[in-house]
Each structure stands twice: as structure tokens, then as C-alpha cells.
Amino acid sequence: MLDTIPIVVTVKDRDGKMKLVSKSYAALYDTTPEAAVGKTVGDLPSSHAELSTIGEMDREVLARMQPVSRVQPVARPNGNVRWMSIVKVPLIEQDGTTHILAIGMDITAQREHEEHMAATIAELERQRQAFADQLAVIQRQQALIRALSTPILQVAEGVVAVPLIGALDDARAADVTSKLLDEVVRTGARFAIIDVTGIESVDAATADHLVRIVRAIRLLGASGVLTGIGPAVAQSMCGLEVDLSGVTTHGNLRAGIEVCLRALPRRR
């Protein structure tokens, strides 16, 4: 019966001598059950660490008279190492003689799979961290680019200006609006000039963003001024039927600044 199952089974007396050995146990040490019976583990080609663990488990079973379990490596004579899950229990016969029953299962494949999975998880975590680090760098670069591409300039006391260059998408429009409104509040500006000289074309979304920025400025008690509207942009905004009623516009930034300065109350 024992020779037909892959589970390792041994029965030892209190002195550690084998009384019963399964074929699978004997195969671990390249011997036969018949040759192993009557011997101790020390008579088999075991490592010092292995012998120490086996002896420790045997002593614990006999001392506590309770099952003891371990997972430990078993070194074969050819140098290969098999990982075994071992349970040892006290086996008491009718005459009171105590033996140690050991049942072991080869979990090498399971352990190798777990180690492979752990290595895979560690590599995925390393890649995730590397991606997160790269993303953080990109985000810092994007923040720097936004700061450089959207400078808020105080051209005079009471007048701030922001020159826009390139596209004005949703994200950038929100960034421009936030920074410009903060600067209006911080400086107490009466006028906020939005110069669109650097914007080559305007679609419906861009036009809507510009109008919304001007309206937001107005809610703070300041006046929003659009400057730098070229012929192409003017035609686009007319074609889109953009409502610019109440929005002050000027052909270039210089003209817008001059008008704003004249509108400011003169100092005495």
C-alpha cells in the first residue's frame, strides 16, 4: 500500500531507528525500504542542518506527545534539494511503546511556483515604481512647461497680462484661469489682459474658453481685455458667431496696455 502512494511515510522508535519506510522515502536517499529499515536518519546521506531539524522535531513530538509540522529542504545524494511538508505524530502501541509516525509531501513544485510568482510580483512592482517615477518626472516637466508657457506679467500697477501661445485646451484653459484669477486677487489688478497673438487659429472650444476667462475676471470686479486678435482669428470667431458683447478687444498688446493705463485713476 505504501509503495503505491507518493506520500513519504516513516515510523521510527524512540531511538530514531526506522521500523517502517515507504518506497518514496527511500527514493529520496537513493536506497530501498529494506535497506533503510533498522537505520537512523544519521546513517543516510543527510545534511547537518537536515539532521538537526529532524532530531528537533522527534524530540518535540516525544516531549509534547502532540503533532509537530515543518516545511524543510531535503538534500538528495545527487545534490538536488526537495522541499518537504512534514507532519510527525506520536504513535502509541497497546503495550505503551511510543513510535514516531512521519508523513511528508513533496511540495517542491508548489514552492518553485510560489518563488516564481513572488519574483514576478517583485518585478511588476519594480516596473510599477519605475513607471510611477517616470510619470512623476513627466508631471513635473508638464507643470514647468505650463508655468513657462503661461507667465502672468504685471505690466503696471493695476494691470496684469498673460500672453497665450499654442493651443488652449480644457486643461490649459483651467490652468490659465486659475493662475490669472489668483494674480488679479493678489495684485488687486483692475485690468487683466489676455493676449492671443500666439494663437494661430480658434475653434469653438477655444473661443468658449476665452469668453469664460473674461467673464470670470469680471466676477472679481476687474475687466478682462482681449488683445492680439489677428485677421485669421477674427474671421474664425465671426464664423463661429462668438458672442463678444461686453468684451473689450484691441489689435495688439501695446494698444491694450495703453488703453488700460489711461483708464486707471491718476495718482495725485
C-alpha atoms as a PDB file:
ATOM      1  CA  MET A   1       0.000   0.000   0.000  1.00  0.00           C
ATOM      2  CA  LEU A   2       2.760   2.469   0.975  1.00  0.00           C
ATOM      3  CA  ASP A   3       4.611   1.786  -2.271  1.00  0.00           C
ATOM      4  CA  THR A   4       1.654   2.926  -4.378  1.00  0.00           C
ATOM      5  CA  ILE A   5       1.263   6.434  -2.964  1.00  0.00           C
ATOM      6  CA  PRO A   6       3.633   9.398  -3.482  1.00  0.00           C
ATOM      7  CA  ILE A   7       3.447  10.435   0.166  1.00  0.00           C
ATOM      8  CA  VAL A   8       6.581   9.882   2.251  1.00  0.00           C
ATOM      9  CA  VAL A   9       5.937   7.746   5.342  1.00  0.00           C
ATOM     10  CA  THR A  10       8.256   6.534   8.093  1.00  0.00           C
ATOM     11  CA  VAL A  11       7.814   5.000  11.513  1.00  0.00           C
ATOM     12  CA  LYS A  12      10.706   5.275  13.982  1.00  0.00           C
ATOM     13  CA  ASP A  13      11.215   4.115  17.531  1.00  0.00           C
ATOM     14  CA  ARG A  14      12.294   6.415  20.336  1.00  0.00           C
ATOM     15  CA  ASP A  15      15.941   5.833  19.407  1.00  0.00           C
ATOM     16  CA  GLY A  16      15.326   7.033  15.859  1.00  0.00           C
ATOM     17  CA  LYS A  17      15.645   3.623  14.172  1.00  0.00           C
ATOM     18  CA  MET A  18      13.397   3.071  11.176  1.00  0.00           C
ATOM     19  CA  LYS A  19      10.678   0.446  11.706  1.00  0.00           C
ATOM     20  CA  LEU A  20       8.715   1.191   8.542  1.00  0.00           C
ATOM     21  CA  VAL A  21       9.792   3.083   5.434  1.00  0.00           C
ATOM     22  CA  SER A  22       7.788   3.890   2.308  1.00  0.00           C
ATOM     23  CA  LYS A  23       9.327   3.474  -1.112  1.00  0.00           C
ATOM     24  CA  SER A  24       9.028   7.220  -1.801  1.00  0.00           C
ATOM     25  CA  TYR A  25      11.026   7.997   1.368  1.00  0.00           C
ATOM     26  CA  ALA A  26      13.763   5.529   0.464  1.00  0.00           C
ATOM     27  CA  ALA A  27      13.920   7.053  -3.035  1.00  0.00           C
ATOM     28  CA  LEU A  28      14.840  10.427  -1.539  1.00  0.00           C
ATOM     29  CA  TYR A  29      18.115   8.904  -0.371  1.00  0.00           C
ATOM     30  CA  ASP A  30      18.648   6.551  -3.343  1.00  0.00           C
ATOM     31  CA  THR A  31      18.101   3.458  -1.232  1.00  0.00           C
ATOM     32  CA  THR A  32      15.423   0.800  -0.704  1.00  0.00           C
ATOM     33  CA  PRO A  33      12.901   0.419   2.114  1.00  0.00           C
ATOM     34  CA  GLU A  34      14.553  -2.847   3.122  1.00  0.00           C
ATOM     35  CA  ALA A  35      17.976  -1.207   3.337  1.00  0.00           C
ATOM     36  CA  ALA A  36      16.633   1.738   5.349  1.00  0.00           C
ATOM     37  CA  VAL A  37      14.795  -0.303   7.990  1.00  0.00           C
ATOM     38  CA  GLY A  38      16.807  -0.576  11.181  1.00  0.00           C
ATOM     39  CA  LYS A  39      18.883   2.508  10.396  1.00  0.00           C
ATOM     40  CA  THR A  40      18.643   6.035  11.718  1.00  0.00           C
ATOM     41  CA  VAL A  41      18.480   9.184   9.622  1.00  0.00           C
ATOM     42  CA  GLY A  42      22.118   9.730  10.554  1.00  0.00           C
ATOM     43  CA  ASP A  43      23.007   6.568   8.630  1.00  0.00           C
ATOM     44  CA  LEU A  44      21.537   8.119   5.471  1.00  0.00           C
ATOM     45  CA  PRO A  45      23.279  10.831   3.383  1.00  0.00           C
ATOM     46  CA  SER A  46      21.591  13.811   5.081  1.00  0.00           C
ATOM     47  CA  SER A  47      22.951  17.301   5.613  1.00  0.00           C
ATOM     48  CA  HIS A  48      23.876  18.536   9.094  1.00  0.00           C
ATOM     49  CA  ALA A  49      21.034  21.105   9.058  1.00  0.00           C
ATOM     50  CA  GLU A  50      18.579  18.434   7.963  1.00  0.00           C
ATOM     51  CA  LEU A  51      19.641  16.084  10.740  1.00  0.00           C
ATOM     52  CA  SER A  52      19.328  18.893  13.278  1.00  0.00           C
ATOM     53  CA  THR A  53      15.760  19.703  12.193  1.00  0.00           C
ATOM     54  CA  ILE A  54      14.712  16.031  12.146  1.00  0.00           C
ATOM     55  CA  GLY A  55      16.137  15.450  15.617  1.00  0.00           C
ATOM     56  CA  GLU A  56      14.448  18.605  16.927  1.00  0.00           C
ATOM     57  CA  MET A  57      11.057  17.510  15.586  1.00  0.00           C
ATOM     58  CA  ASP A  58      11.431  13.988  17.024  1.00  0.00           C
ATOM     59  CA  ARG A  59      12.309  15.356  20.470  1.00  0.00           C
ATOM     60  CA  GLU A  60       9.375  17.788  20.375  1.00  0.00           C
ATOM     61  CA  VAL A  61       6.920  15.044  19.431  1.00  0.00           C
ATOM     62  CA  LEU A  62       8.110  12.812  22.273  1.00  0.00           C
ATOM     63  CA  ALA A  63       8.156  15.667  24.787  1.00  0.00           C
ATOM     64  CA  ARG A  64       4.742  17.113  23.958  1.00  0.00           C
ATOM     65  CA  MET A  65       3.095  13.940  22.654  1.00  0.00           C
ATOM     66  CA  GLN A  66       1.402  16.125  20.070  1.00  0.00           C
ATOM     67  CA  PRO A  67       1.707  16.522  16.284  1.00  0.00           C
ATOM     68  CA  VAL A  68       4.538  18.732  15.018  1.00  0.00           C
ATOM     69  CA  SER A  69       4.760  20.123  11.468  1.00  0.00           C
ATOM     70  CA  ARG A  70       7.568  21.705   9.474  1.00  0.00           C
ATOM     71  CA  VAL A  71       8.476  22.650   5.940  1.00  0.00           C
ATOM     72  CA  GLN A  72      12.091  21.845   5.274  1.00  0.00           C
ATOM     73  CA  PRO A  73      14.536  21.073   2.462  1.00  0.00           C
ATOM     74  CA  VAL A  74      15.778  17.534   1.977  1.00  0.00           C
ATOM     75  CA  ALA A  75      19.117  17.166   0.189  1.00  0.00           C
ATOM     76  CA  ARG A  76      19.328  14.148  -2.090  1.00  0.00           C
ATOM     77  CA  PRO A  77      22.637  12.324  -2.629  1.00  0.00           C
ATOM     78  CA  ASN A  78      22.872  13.745  -6.166  1.00  0.00           C
ATOM     79  CA  GLY A  79      22.832  17.296  -4.777  1.00  0.00           C
ATOM     80  CA  ASN A  80      19.242  18.122  -5.693  1.00  0.00           C
ATOM     81  CA  VAL A  81      17.094  19.636  -2.967  1.00  0.00           C
ATOM     82  CA  ARG A  82      13.442  18.727  -2.489  1.00  0.00           C
ATOM     83  CA  TRP A  83      11.140  20.740  -0.260  1.00  0.00           C
ATOM     84  CA  MET A  84       9.002  18.599   2.006  1.00  0.00           C
ATOM     85  CA  SER A  85       5.979  19.418   4.130  1.00  0.00           C
ATOM     86  CA  ILE A  86       6.353  17.082   7.100  1.00  0.00           C
ATOM     87  CA  VAL A  87       3.963  16.201   9.921  1.00  0.00           C
ATOM     88  CA  LYS A  88       5.105  13.996  12.800  1.00  0.00           C
ATOM     89  CA  VAL A  89       2.764  12.491  15.360  1.00  0.00           C
ATOM     90  CA  PRO A  90       3.271  10.172  18.350  1.00  0.00           C
ATOM     91  CA  LEU A  91       2.170   6.601  17.659  1.00  0.00           C
ATOM     92  CA  ILE A  92       1.449   4.672  20.873  1.00  0.00           C
ATOM     93  CA  GLU A  93       1.018   0.919  20.687  1.00  0.00           C
ATOM     94  CA  GLN A  94      -1.127  -1.176  23.050  1.00  0.00           C
ATOM     95  CA  ASP A  95       1.862  -2.074  25.196  1.00  0.00           C
ATOM     96  CA  GLY A  96       2.658   1.628  25.690  1.00  0.00           C
ATOM     97  CA  THR A  97       5.613   1.694  23.308  1.00  0.00           C
ATOM     98  CA  THR A  98       5.879   5.048  21.597  1.00  0.00           C
ATOM     99  CA  HIS A  99       6.895   5.411  17.979  1.00  0.00           C
ATOM    100  CA  ILE A 100       7.072   8.468  15.753  1.00  0.00           C
ATOM    101  CA  LEU A 101       4.966   8.460  12.614  1.00  0.00           C
ATOM    102  CA  ALA A 102       6.204  10.914   9.978  1.00  0.00           C
ATOM    103  CA  ILE A 103       4.172  11.812   6.903  1.00  0.00           C
ATOM    104  CA  GLY A 104       5.690  14.051   4.275  1.00  0.00           C
ATOM    105  CA  MET A 105       4.611  15.506   0.945  1.00  0.00           C
ATOM    106  CA  ASP A 106       6.924  16.808  -1.753  1.00  0.00           C
ATOM    107  CA  ILE A 107       5.962  20.460  -2.295  1.00  0.00           C
ATOM    108  CA  THR A 108       8.979  21.404  -4.409  1.00  0.00           C
ATOM    109  CA  ALA A 109       6.869  22.265  -7.462  1.00  0.00           C
ATOM    110  CA  GLN A 110       4.494  24.355  -5.343  1.00  0.00           C
ATOM    111  CA  ARG A 111       7.387  26.178  -3.669  1.00  0.00           C
ATOM    112  CA  GLU A 112       9.098  26.846  -7.005  1.00  0.00           C
ATOM    113  CA  HIS A 113       5.793  28.193  -8.334  1.00  0.00           C
ATOM    114  CA  GLU A 114       5.424  30.435  -5.277  1.00  0.00           C
ATOM    115  CA  GLU A 115       9.002  31.686  -5.676  1.00  0.00           C
ATOM    116  CA  HIS A 116       8.368  32.335  -9.364  1.00  0.00           C
ATOM    117  CA  MET A 117       5.176  34.216  -8.521  1.00  0.00           C
ATOM    118  CA  ALA A 118       6.982  36.218  -5.827  1.00  0.00           C
ATOM    119  CA  ALA A 119       9.732  37.104  -8.299  1.00  0.00           C
ATOM    120  CA  THR A 120       7.127  38.066 -10.898  1.00  0.00           C
ATOM    121  CA  ILE A 121       5.260  40.233  -8.386  1.00  0.00           C
ATOM    122  CA  ALA A 122       8.527  41.862  -7.317  1.00  0.00           C
ATOM    123  CA  GLU A 123       9.401  42.600 -10.952  1.00  0.00           C
ATOM    124  CA  LEU A 124       5.927  44.013 -11.606  1.00  0.00           C
ATOM    125  CA  GLU A 125       6.261  46.192  -8.508  1.00  0.00           C
ATOM    126  CA  ARG A 126       9.669  47.370  -9.721  1.00  0.00           C
ATOM    127  CA  GLN A 127       8.178  48.224 -13.119  1.00  0.00           C
ATOM    128  CA  ARG A 128       5.208  49.950 -11.448  1.00  0.00           C
ATOM    129  CA  GLN A 129       7.552  52.029  -9.319  1.00  0.00           C
ATOM    130  CA  ALA A 130       9.696  52.871 -12.339  1.00  0.00           C
ATOM    131  CA  PHE A 131       6.563  53.913 -14.241  1.00  0.00           C
ATOM    132  CA  ALA A 132       5.386  55.985 -11.265  1.00  0.00           C
ATOM    133  CA  ASP A 133       8.789  57.680 -11.084  1.00  0.00           C
ATOM    134  CA  GLN A 134       8.694  58.423 -14.827  1.00  0.00           C
ATOM    135  CA  LEU A 135       5.141  59.719 -14.518  1.00  0.00           C
ATOM    136  CA  ALA A 136       6.185  61.996 -11.647  1.00  0.00           C
ATOM    137  CA  VAL A 137       9.029  63.376 -13.777  1.00  0.00           C
ATOM    138  CA  ILE A 138       6.644  63.944 -16.696  1.00  0.00           C
ATOM    139  CA  GLN A 139       4.140  65.682 -14.422  1.00  0.00           C
ATOM    140  CA  ARG A 140       6.849  67.965 -13.034  1.00  0.00           C
ATOM    141  CA  GLN A 141       8.010  68.737 -16.555  1.00  0.00           C
ATOM    142  CA  GLN A 142       4.435  69.451 -17.629  1.00  0.00           C
ATOM    143  CA  ALA A 143       3.958  71.755 -14.649  1.00  0.00           C
ATOM    144  CA  LEU A 144       7.171  73.574 -15.552  1.00  0.00           C
ATOM    145  CA  ILE A 145       6.102  73.841 -19.195  1.00  0.00           C
ATOM    146  CA  ARG A 146       2.705  75.221 -18.150  1.00  0.00           C
ATOM    147  CA  ALA A 147       4.385  77.740 -15.870  1.00  0.00           C
ATOM    148  CA  LEU A 148       6.752  78.833 -18.634  1.00  0.00           C
ATOM    149  CA  SER A 149       4.088  78.835 -21.337  1.00  0.00           C
ATOM    150  CA  THR A 150       1.597  80.789 -19.232  1.00  0.00           C
ATOM    151  CA  PRO A 151       3.506  83.590 -17.496  1.00  0.00           C
ATOM    152  CA  ILE A 152       1.381  86.140 -15.655  1.00  0.00           C
ATOM    153  CA  LEU A 153       3.018  89.536 -16.078  1.00  0.00           C
ATOM    154  CA  GLN A 154       2.310  92.641 -14.041  1.00  0.00           C
ATOM    155  CA  VAL A 155       2.864  95.277 -16.722  1.00  0.00           C
ATOM    156  CA  ALA A 156       1.862  98.140 -14.441  1.00  0.00           C
ATOM    157  CA  GLU A 157       0.221  98.727 -11.111  1.00  0.00           C
ATOM    158  CA  GLY A 158      -3.357  97.635 -11.599  1.00  0.00           C
ATOM    159  CA  VAL A 159      -2.686  95.830 -14.917  1.00  0.00           C
ATOM    160  CA  VAL A 160      -1.687  92.182 -15.430  1.00  0.00           C
ATOM    161  CA  ALA A 161      -1.288  90.354 -18.706  1.00  0.00           C
ATOM    162  CA  VAL A 162      -0.976  86.775 -19.868  1.00  0.00           C
ATOM    163  CA  PRO A 163       0.365  86.004 -23.365  1.00  0.00           C
ATOM    164  CA  LEU A 164      -1.078  82.780 -24.771  1.00  0.00           C
ATOM    165  CA  ILE A 165       0.946  80.708 -27.211  1.00  0.00           C
ATOM    166  CA  GLY A 166      -0.203  77.494 -28.863  1.00  0.00           C
ATOM    167  CA  ALA A 167      -3.428  75.577 -28.263  1.00  0.00           C
ATOM    168  CA  LEU A 168      -5.845  76.348 -25.458  1.00  0.00           C
ATOM    169  CA  ASP A 169      -7.365  73.020 -24.488  1.00  0.00           C
ATOM    170  CA  ASP A 170      -9.523  72.289 -21.443  1.00  0.00           C
ATOM    171  CA  ALA A 171      -6.607  71.567 -19.108  1.00  0.00           C
ATOM    172  CA  ARG A 172      -4.626  74.625 -20.105  1.00  0.00           C
ATOM    173  CA  ALA A 173      -7.687  76.877 -20.026  1.00  0.00           C
ATOM    174  CA  ALA A 174      -8.383  75.767 -16.451  1.00  0.00           C
ATOM    175  CA  ASP A 175      -4.735  76.400 -15.534  1.00  0.00           C
ATOM    176  CA  VAL A 176      -4.717  79.865 -17.154  1.00  0.00           C
ATOM    177  CA  THR A 177      -7.981  80.813 -15.475  1.00  0.00           C
ATOM    178  CA  SER A 178      -6.806  79.689 -12.042  1.00  0.00           C
ATOM    179  CA  LYS A 179      -3.443  81.471 -12.238  1.00  0.00           C
ATOM    180  CA  LEU A 180      -4.847  84.649 -13.747  1.00  0.00           C
ATOM    181  CA  LEU A 181      -7.634  84.962 -11.182  1.00  0.00           C
ATOM    182  CA  ASP A 182      -5.174  84.353  -8.342  1.00  0.00           C
ATOM    183  CA  GLU A 183      -2.907  87.079  -9.698  1.00  0.00           C
ATOM    184  CA  VAL A 184      -5.810  89.507 -10.078  1.00  0.00           C
ATOM    185  CA  VAL A 185      -6.711  88.974  -6.430  1.00  0.00           C
ATOM    186  CA  ARG A 186      -3.098  89.082  -5.223  1.00  0.00           C
ATOM    187  CA  THR A 187      -2.227  92.314  -7.031  1.00  0.00           C
ATOM    188  CA  GLY A 188      -5.627  93.975  -6.827  1.00  0.00           C
ATOM    189  CA  ALA A 189      -5.495  94.479 -10.611  1.00  0.00           C
ATOM    190  CA  ARG A 190      -8.241  96.477 -12.306  1.00  0.00           C
ATOM    191  CA  PHE A 191      -7.450  95.060 -15.740  1.00  0.00           C
ATOM    192  CA  ALA A 192      -6.380  91.600 -16.906  1.00  0.00           C
ATOM    193  CA  ILE A 193      -5.153  91.420 -20.490  1.00  0.00           C
ATOM    194  CA  ILE A 194      -5.302  88.122 -22.391  1.00  0.00           C
ATOM    195  CA  ASP A 195      -3.052  88.359 -25.416  1.00  0.00           C
ATOM    196  CA  VAL A 196      -3.829  85.784 -28.127  1.00  0.00           C
ATOM    197  CA  THR A 197      -1.170  86.855 -30.627  1.00  0.00           C
ATOM    198  CA  GLY A 198       0.444  83.423 -30.287  1.00  0.00           C
ATOM    199  CA  ILE A 199      -2.767  81.553 -31.097  1.00  0.00           C
ATOM    200  CA  GLU A 200      -2.902  80.925 -34.854  1.00  0.00           C
ATOM    201  CA  SER A 201      -6.438  79.554 -35.076  1.00  0.00           C
ATOM    202  CA  VAL A 202      -9.540  79.488 -32.921  1.00  0.00           C
ATOM    203  CA  ASP A 203     -12.172  76.765 -32.822  1.00  0.00           C
ATOM    204  CA  ALA A 204     -15.443  76.780 -30.904  1.00  0.00           C
ATOM    205  CA  ALA A 205     -13.862  75.305 -27.780  1.00  0.00           C
ATOM    206  CA  THR A 206     -11.004  77.848 -27.728  1.00  0.00           C
ATOM    207  CA  ALA A 207     -13.403  80.755 -28.246  1.00  0.00           C
ATOM    208  CA  ASP A 208     -15.590  79.485 -25.418  1.00  0.00           C
ATOM    209  CA  HIS A 209     -12.566  79.231 -23.124  1.00  0.00           C
ATOM    210  CA  LEU A 210     -11.567  82.852 -23.849  1.00  0.00           C
ATOM    211  CA  VAL A 211     -15.057  84.166 -23.182  1.00  0.00           C
ATOM    212  CA  ARG A 212     -15.298  82.186 -19.942  1.00  0.00           C
ATOM    213  CA  ILE A 213     -11.946  83.542 -18.727  1.00  0.00           C
ATOM    214  CA  VAL A 214     -13.084  87.121 -19.382  1.00  0.00           C
ATOM    215  CA  ARG A 215     -16.359  86.504 -17.542  1.00  0.00           C
ATOM    216  CA  ALA A 216     -14.510  85.006 -14.568  1.00  0.00           C
ATOM    217  CA  ILE A 217     -12.276  88.089 -14.385  1.00  0.00           C
ATOM    218  CA  ARG A 218     -15.347  90.302 -14.415  1.00  0.00           C
ATOM    219  CA  LEU A 219     -16.804  88.406 -11.431  1.00  0.00           C
ATOM    220  CA  LEU A 220     -13.784  89.563  -9.404  1.00  0.00           C
ATOM    221  CA  GLY A 221     -14.561  93.194 -10.178  1.00  0.00           C
ATOM    222  CA  ALA A 222     -11.832  93.578 -12.790  1.00  0.00           C
ATOM    223  CA  SER A 223     -12.070  93.992 -16.558  1.00  0.00           C
ATOM    224  CA  GLY A 224     -10.879  91.344 -18.988  1.00  0.00           C
ATOM    225  CA  VAL A 225      -9.296  92.585 -22.221  1.00  0.00           C
ATOM    226  CA  LEU A 226      -8.522  90.504 -25.320  1.00  0.00           C
ATOM    227  CA  THR A 227      -5.592  91.649 -27.443  1.00  0.00           C
ATOM    228  CA  GLY A 228      -3.676  90.327 -30.434  1.00  0.00           C
ATOM    229  CA  ILE A 229      -6.680  89.153 -32.431  1.00  0.00           C
ATOM    230  CA  GLY A 230      -5.335  88.796 -35.983  1.00  0.00           C
ATOM    231  CA  PRO A 231      -7.322  88.592 -39.213  1.00  0.00           C
ATOM    232  CA  ALA A 232      -7.467  84.785 -39.249  1.00  0.00           C
ATOM    233  CA  VAL A 233      -8.631  84.589 -35.644  1.00  0.00           C
ATOM    234  CA  ALA A 234     -11.162  87.390 -36.216  1.00  0.00           C
ATOM    235  CA  GLN A 235     -12.639  85.541 -39.198  1.00  0.00           C
ATOM    236  CA  SER A 236     -12.811  82.318 -37.249  1.00  0.00           C
ATOM    237  CA  MET A 237     -14.606  83.968 -34.327  1.00  0.00           C
ATOM    238  CA  CYS A 238     -17.067  85.649 -36.667  1.00  0.00           C
ATOM    239  CA  GLY A 239     -17.720  82.358 -38.430  1.00  0.00           C
ATOM    240  CA  LEU A 240     -18.355  80.703 -35.090  1.00  0.00           C
ATOM    241  CA  GLU A 241     -20.693  83.564 -34.125  1.00  0.00           C
ATOM    242  CA  VAL A 242     -18.866  84.039 -30.827  1.00  0.00           C
ATOM    243  CA  ASP A 243     -20.676  86.485 -28.561  1.00  0.00           C
ATOM    244  CA  LEU A 244     -18.054  89.061 -27.575  1.00  0.00           C
ATOM    245  CA  SER A 245     -20.556  91.632 -26.366  1.00  0.00           C
ATOM    246  CA  GLY A 246     -19.148  93.375 -23.314  1.00  0.00           C
ATOM    247  CA  VAL A 247     -15.620  92.119 -24.076  1.00  0.00           C
ATOM    248  CA  THR A 248     -13.013  94.801 -24.775  1.00  0.00           C
ATOM    249  CA  THR A 249     -10.686  93.869 -27.646  1.00  0.00           C
ATOM    250  CA  HIS A 250      -7.596  95.511 -29.151  1.00  0.00           C
ATOM    251  CA  GLY A 251      -5.438  94.652 -32.128  1.00  0.00           C
ATOM    252  CA  ASN A 252      -2.203  94.271 -30.182  1.00  0.00           C
ATOM    253  CA  LEU A 253      -0.865  94.071 -26.652  1.00  0.00           C
ATOM    254  CA  ARG A 254       0.650  97.569 -26.676  1.00  0.00           C
ATOM    255  CA  ALA A 255      -2.657  99.174 -27.575  1.00  0.00           C
ATOM    256  CA  GLY A 256      -4.421  97.212 -24.862  1.00  0.00           C
ATOM    257  CA  ILE A 257      -1.899  98.263 -22.230  1.00  0.00           C
ATOM    258  CA  GLU A 258      -2.135 101.948 -23.230  1.00  0.00           C
ATOM    259  CA  VAL A 259      -5.942 101.940 -23.016  1.00  0.00           C
ATOM    260  CA  CYS A 260      -5.865 100.212 -19.617  1.00  0.00           C
ATOM    261  CA  LEU A 261      -3.325 102.689 -18.254  1.00  0.00           C
ATOM    262  CA  ARG A 262      -5.413 105.668 -19.399  1.00  0.00           C
ATOM    263  CA  ALA A 263      -8.451 104.168 -17.708  1.00  0.00           C
ATOM    264  CA  LEU A 264      -6.694 103.860 -14.369  1.00  0.00           C
ATOM    265  CA  PRO A 265      -7.277 106.713 -11.914  1.00  0.00           C
ATOM    266  CA  ARG A 266      -4.336 109.103 -11.906  1.00  0.00           C
ATOM    267  CA  ARG A 267      -2.285 109.384  -8.757  1.00  0.00           C
ATOM    268  CA  ARG A 268      -2.133 112.759  -7.081  1.00  0.00           C
END
